[in-house]
C-alpha atoms as a PDB file:
ATOM      1  CA  MET A   1      -0.214  16.614 -21.106  1.00  0.00           C
ATOM      2  CA  GLN A   2       1.203  17.184 -17.605  1.00  0.00           C
ATOM      3  CA  PHE A   3      -2.209  16.578 -15.971  1.00  0.00           C
ATOM      4  CA  GLY A   4      -2.571  13.280 -17.838  1.00  0.00           C
ATOM      5  CA  LYS A   5       0.867  12.181 -16.668  1.00  0.00           C
ATOM      6  CA  ILE A   6      -0.050  12.996 -13.065  1.00  0.00           C
ATOM      7  CA  VAL A   7      -3.291  11.021 -13.310  1.00  0.00           C
ATOM      8  CA  LEU A   8      -1.504   8.051 -14.882  1.00  0.00           C
ATOM      9  CA  ALA A   9       1.198   8.170 -12.191  1.00  0.00           C
ATOM     10  CA  PHE A  10      -1.471   8.312  -9.465  1.00  0.00           C
ATOM     11  CA  VAL A  11      -3.398   5.353 -10.889  1.00  0.00           C
ATOM     12  CA  LEU A  12      -0.190   3.322 -11.195  1.00  0.00           C
ATOM     13  CA  ALA A  13       0.781   4.224  -7.624  1.00  0.00           C
ATOM     14  CA  VAL A  14      -2.574   3.044  -6.296  1.00  0.00           C
ATOM     15  CA  VAL A  15      -2.435  -0.185  -8.316  1.00  0.00           C
ATOM     16  CA  VAL A  16       1.138  -0.939  -7.238  1.00  0.00           C
ATOM     17  CA  ALA A  17       0.448  -0.223  -3.554  1.00  0.00           C
ATOM     18  CA  THR A  18      -2.818  -2.183  -3.599  1.00  0.00           C
ATOM     19  CA  VAL A  19      -1.389  -5.239  -5.338  1.00  0.00           C
ATOM     20  CA  LEU A  20       1.711  -5.305  -3.126  1.00  0.00           C
ATOM     21  CA  GLY A  21      -0.420  -4.744  -0.027  1.00  0.00           C
ATOM     22  CA  SER A  22      -2.766  -7.563  -1.032  1.00  0.00           C
ATOM     23  CA  ILE A  23       0.148  -9.906  -1.668  1.00  0.00           C
ATOM     24  CA  ALA A  24       1.715  -9.039   1.691  1.00  0.00           C
ATOM     25  CA  HIS A  25      -1.627  -9.528   3.443  1.00  0.00           C
ATOM     26  CA  THR A  26      -2.081 -13.004   1.982  1.00  0.00           C
ATOM     27  CA  GLN A  27       1.447 -14.131   2.727  1.00  0.00           C
ATOM     28  CA  PHE A  28       1.313 -12.913   6.331  1.00  0.00           C
ATOM     29  CA  VAL A  29      -2.010 -14.688   6.908  1.00  0.00           C
ATOM     30  CA  LEU A  30      -0.647 -17.886   5.348  1.00  0.00           C
ATOM     31  CA  GLY A  31       2.499 -17.500   7.422  1.00  0.00           C
ATOM     32  CA  ARG A  32       0.387 -17.487  10.577  1.00  0.00           C
ATOM     33  CA  LEU A  33      -1.290 -20.696   9.404  1.00  0.00           C
ATOM     34  CA  ALA A  34       2.136 -22.255   8.877  1.00  0.00           C
ATOM     35  CA  ASP A  35       3.066 -21.177  12.419  1.00  0.00           C
ATOM     36  CA  ILE A  36       0.305 -23.411  13.789  1.00  0.00           C
ATOM     37  CA  GLY A  37       1.274 -26.343  11.587  1.00  0.00           C
ATOM     38  CA  VAL A  38      -1.003 -25.918   8.579  1.00  0.00           C
ATOM     39  CA  SER A  39       0.753 -26.856   5.366  1.00  0.00           C
ATOM     40  CA  VAL A  40      -0.138 -24.636   2.415  1.00  0.00           C
ATOM     41  CA  PRO A  41       1.269 -25.823  -0.917  1.00  0.00           C
ATOM     42  CA  LEU A  42       2.749 -23.274  -3.315  1.00  0.00           C
ATOM     43  CA  SER A  43      -0.133 -23.720  -5.776  1.00  0.00           C
ATOM     44  CA  ASP A  44      -2.607 -22.825  -3.020  1.00  0.00           C
ATOM     45  CA  ARG A  45      -0.489 -19.856  -1.978  1.00  0.00           C
ATOM     46  CA  ILE A  46      -0.549 -18.540  -5.543  1.00  0.00           C
ATOM     47  CA  SER A  47      -4.271 -19.194  -5.916  1.00  0.00           C
ATOM     48  CA  MET A  48      -5.098 -17.506  -2.603  1.00  0.00           C
ATOM     49  CA  THR A  49      -2.865 -14.560  -3.427  1.00  0.00           C
ATOM     50  CA  LEU A  50      -4.592 -13.992  -6.764  1.00  0.00           C
ATOM     51  CA  HIS A  51      -7.990 -14.400  -5.109  1.00  0.00           C
ATOM     52  CA  ASP A  52      -7.116 -11.791  -2.480  1.00  0.00           C
ATOM     53  CA  ILE A  53      -5.826  -9.340  -5.071  1.00  0.00           C
ATOM     54  CA  GLY A  54      -9.151  -9.569  -6.895  1.00  0.00           C
ATOM     55  CA  GLY A  55     -11.300  -9.805  -3.787  1.00  0.00           C
ATOM     56  CA  MET A  56      -9.843  -7.167  -1.528  1.00  0.00           C
ATOM     57  CA  GLY A  57      -8.279  -5.072  -4.280  1.00  0.00           C
ATOM     58  CA  PRO A  58     -11.196  -2.788  -5.155  1.00  0.00           C
ATOM     59  CA  LEU A  59     -12.106  -1.728  -1.609  1.00  0.00           C
ATOM     60  CA  TYR A  60      -8.539  -1.708  -0.314  1.00  0.00           C
ATOM     61  CA  GLY A  61      -7.511   0.157  -3.470  1.00  0.00           C
ATOM     62  CA  ALA A  62     -10.097   2.847  -2.769  1.00  0.00           C
ATOM     63  CA  ILE A  63      -8.802   3.236   0.795  1.00  0.00           C
ATOM     64  CA  ILE A  64      -5.200   3.285  -0.434  1.00  0.00           C
ATOM     65  CA  GLY A  65      -6.173   5.801  -3.135  1.00  0.00           C
ATOM     66  CA  LEU A  66      -7.698   8.193  -0.616  1.00  0.00           C
ATOM     67  CA  GLY A  67      -4.639   7.944   1.586  1.00  0.00           C
ATOM     68  CA  LEU A  68      -2.206   8.375  -1.286  1.00  0.00           C
ATOM     69  CA  ILE A  69      -3.959  11.407  -2.749  1.00  0.00           C
ATOM     70  CA  VAL A  70      -3.623  13.183   0.601  1.00  0.00           C
ATOM     71  CA  ALA A  71      -0.012  11.991   0.876  1.00  0.00           C
ATOM     72  CA  MET A  72       0.785  13.217  -2.632  1.00  0.00           C
ATOM     73  CA  ALA A  73      -0.576  16.660  -1.907  1.00  0.00           C
ATOM     74  CA  ALA A  74       1.418  16.861   1.326  1.00  0.00           C
ATOM     75  CA  ALA A  75       4.558  15.536  -0.375  1.00  0.00           C
ATOM     76  CA  ALA A  76       4.211  18.048  -3.195  1.00  0.00           C
ATOM     77  CA  LEU A  77       4.019  20.887  -0.654  1.00  0.00           C
ATOM     78  CA  VAL A  78       7.002  19.599   1.299  1.00  0.00           C
ATOM     79  CA  PHE A  79       9.000  19.244  -1.903  1.00  0.00           C
ATOM     80  CA  ARG A  80       7.970  22.712  -3.095  1.00  0.00           C
ATOM     81  CA  PHE A  81       9.188  24.356   0.094  1.00  0.00           C
ATOM     82  CA  ALA A  82      12.118  22.074   0.963  1.00  0.00           C
ATOM     83  CA  GLY A  83      13.200  21.342  -2.599  1.00  0.00           C
ATOM     84  CA  ILE A  84      15.210  18.292  -1.590  1.00  0.00           C
ATOM     85  CA  GLN A  85      15.021  14.541  -2.168  1.00  0.00           C
ATOM     86  CA  ARG A  86      11.718  14.348  -4.056  1.00  0.00           C
ATOM     87  CA  THR A  87      11.845  10.550  -4.158  1.00  0.00           C
ATOM     88  CA  LEU A  88      12.452  10.246  -0.418  1.00  0.00           C
ATOM     89  CA  ILE A  89       9.645  12.682   0.383  1.00  0.00           C
ATOM     90  CA  TYR A  90       7.142  10.756  -1.742  1.00  0.00           C
ATOM     91  CA  GLY A  91       8.270   7.381  -0.388  1.00  0.00           C
ATOM     92  CA  VAL A  92       7.871   8.478   3.224  1.00  0.00           C
ATOM     93  CA  ALA A  93       4.507  10.059   2.408  1.00  0.00           C
ATOM     94  CA  GLY A  94       3.247   6.798   0.895  1.00  0.00           C
ATOM     95  CA  ALA A  95       4.354   4.751   3.887  1.00  0.00           C
ATOM     96  CA  ALA A  96       2.757   7.253   6.264  1.00  0.00           C
ATOM     97  CA  ALA A  97      -0.481   7.295   4.250  1.00  0.00           C
ATOM     98  CA  VAL A  98      -0.928   3.544   4.511  1.00  0.00           C
ATOM     99  CA  GLY A  99       0.069   3.540   8.179  1.00  0.00           C
ATOM    100  CA  VAL A 100      -2.462   6.249   8.969  1.00  0.00           C
ATOM    101  CA  ALA A 101      -5.172   4.514   6.913  1.00  0.00           C
ATOM    102  CA  LEU A 102      -4.610   1.227   8.764  1.00  0.00           C
ATOM    103  CA  ALA A 103      -4.558   2.975  12.138  1.00  0.00           C
ATOM    104  CA  ALA A 104      -7.744   4.890  11.291  1.00  0.00           C
ATOM    105  CA  MET A 105      -9.504   1.693  10.213  1.00  0.00           C
ATOM    106  CA  GLY A 106      -8.340   0.058  13.436  1.00  0.00           C
ATOM    107  CA  MET A 107      -9.792   2.896  15.499  1.00  0.00           C
ATOM    108  CA  ALA A 108     -13.037   2.971  13.515  1.00  0.00           C
ATOM    109  CA  TYR A 109     -13.672  -0.780  13.639  1.00  0.00           C
ATOM    110  CA  ASP A 110     -11.811  -1.637  16.859  1.00  0.00           C
ATOM    111  CA  ILE A 111      -9.904  -4.331  14.924  1.00  0.00           C
ATOM    112  CA  THR A 112      -7.338  -4.343  12.164  1.00  0.00           C
ATOM    113  CA  PRO A 113      -9.467  -5.096   9.077  1.00  0.00           C
ATOM    114  CA  ILE A 114      -6.384  -6.135   7.094  1.00  0.00           C
ATOM    115  CA  ALA A 115      -5.491  -9.381   8.870  1.00  0.00           C
ATOM    116  CA  GLY A 116      -2.017  -9.431   7.375  1.00  0.00           C
ATOM    117  CA  ALA A 117      -1.255  -6.131   9.137  1.00  0.00           C
ATOM    118  CA  ARG A 118      -1.977  -7.351  12.661  1.00  0.00           C
ATOM    119  CA  SER A 119       1.675  -8.010  13.430  1.00  0.00           C
ATOM    120  CA  ALA A 120       4.358  -5.331  13.450  1.00  0.00           C
ATOM    121  CA  ALA A 121       6.032  -6.964  10.452  1.00  0.00           C
ATOM    122  CA  GLY A 122       2.730  -7.156   8.571  1.00  0.00           C
ATOM    123  CA  PHE A 123       1.966  -3.517   9.357  1.00  0.00           C
ATOM    124  CA  LEU A 124       5.414  -2.497   8.122  1.00  0.00           C
ATOM    125  CA  ALA A 125       4.930  -4.581   4.966  1.00  0.00           C
ATOM    126  CA  GLN A 126       1.734  -2.642   4.238  1.00  0.00           C
ATOM    127  CA  MET A 127       3.581   0.623   4.796  1.00  0.00           C
ATOM    128  CA  LEU A 128       6.333  -0.570   2.464  1.00  0.00           C
ATOM    129  CA  ALA A 129       3.678  -1.242  -0.186  1.00  0.00           C
ATOM    130  CA  GLY A 130       2.507   2.369   0.210  1.00  0.00           C
ATOM    131  CA  ALA A 131       6.078   3.633  -0.039  1.00  0.00           C
ATOM    132  CA  ILE A 132       6.687   1.659  -3.234  1.00  0.00           C
ATOM    133  CA  GLY A 133       3.414   2.966  -4.648  1.00  0.00           C
ATOM    134  CA  GLU A 134       4.467   6.547  -3.997  1.00  0.00           C
ATOM    135  CA  LEU A 135       7.934   5.877  -5.374  1.00  0.00           C
ATOM    136  CA  THR A 136       6.164   4.698  -8.518  1.00  0.00           C
ATOM    137  CA  PHE A 137       4.291   7.996  -8.587  1.00  0.00           C
ATOM    138  CA  ALA A 138       7.493   9.985  -8.097  1.00  0.00           C
ATOM    139  CA  ARG A 139       9.204   8.114 -10.924  1.00  0.00           C
ATOM    140  CA  VAL A 140       6.357   8.104 -13.465  1.00  0.00           C
ATOM    141  CA  SER A 141       5.315  11.706 -12.835  1.00  0.00           C
ATOM    142  CA  ARG A 142       8.938  12.783 -13.398  1.00  0.00           C
ATOM    143  CA  LEU A 143       9.224  11.206 -16.872  1.00  0.00           C
END
């Protein structure tokens, strides 16, 4: 039963982080278009957001999943030895995992493959998505 709960919590964490990361990506890209005077109606924003969730979700989800599984293992060790603030430890681990994954992709491809993460705010939004994903894991795995 405990193993099943951990797997469910992990899957939910990856889905939450991926969906939030995809949404942030789309909105930051559309924000840049607005900065140069392109008007994007709300209906198009919603349509593009849903398209990006479906389009980038599987590959980005796999990358997020790899990062989060490493982060979860590290967070579990930190919590085991420190024994304090489980939620904080997992949240920071999730943010760090996404930050490291984005930085690694940037080094590997010499560009930031997630266009919405090219600004500092966009990068932080992606890290926040990872943190919320790991907070989801911390909460669900605790139930």
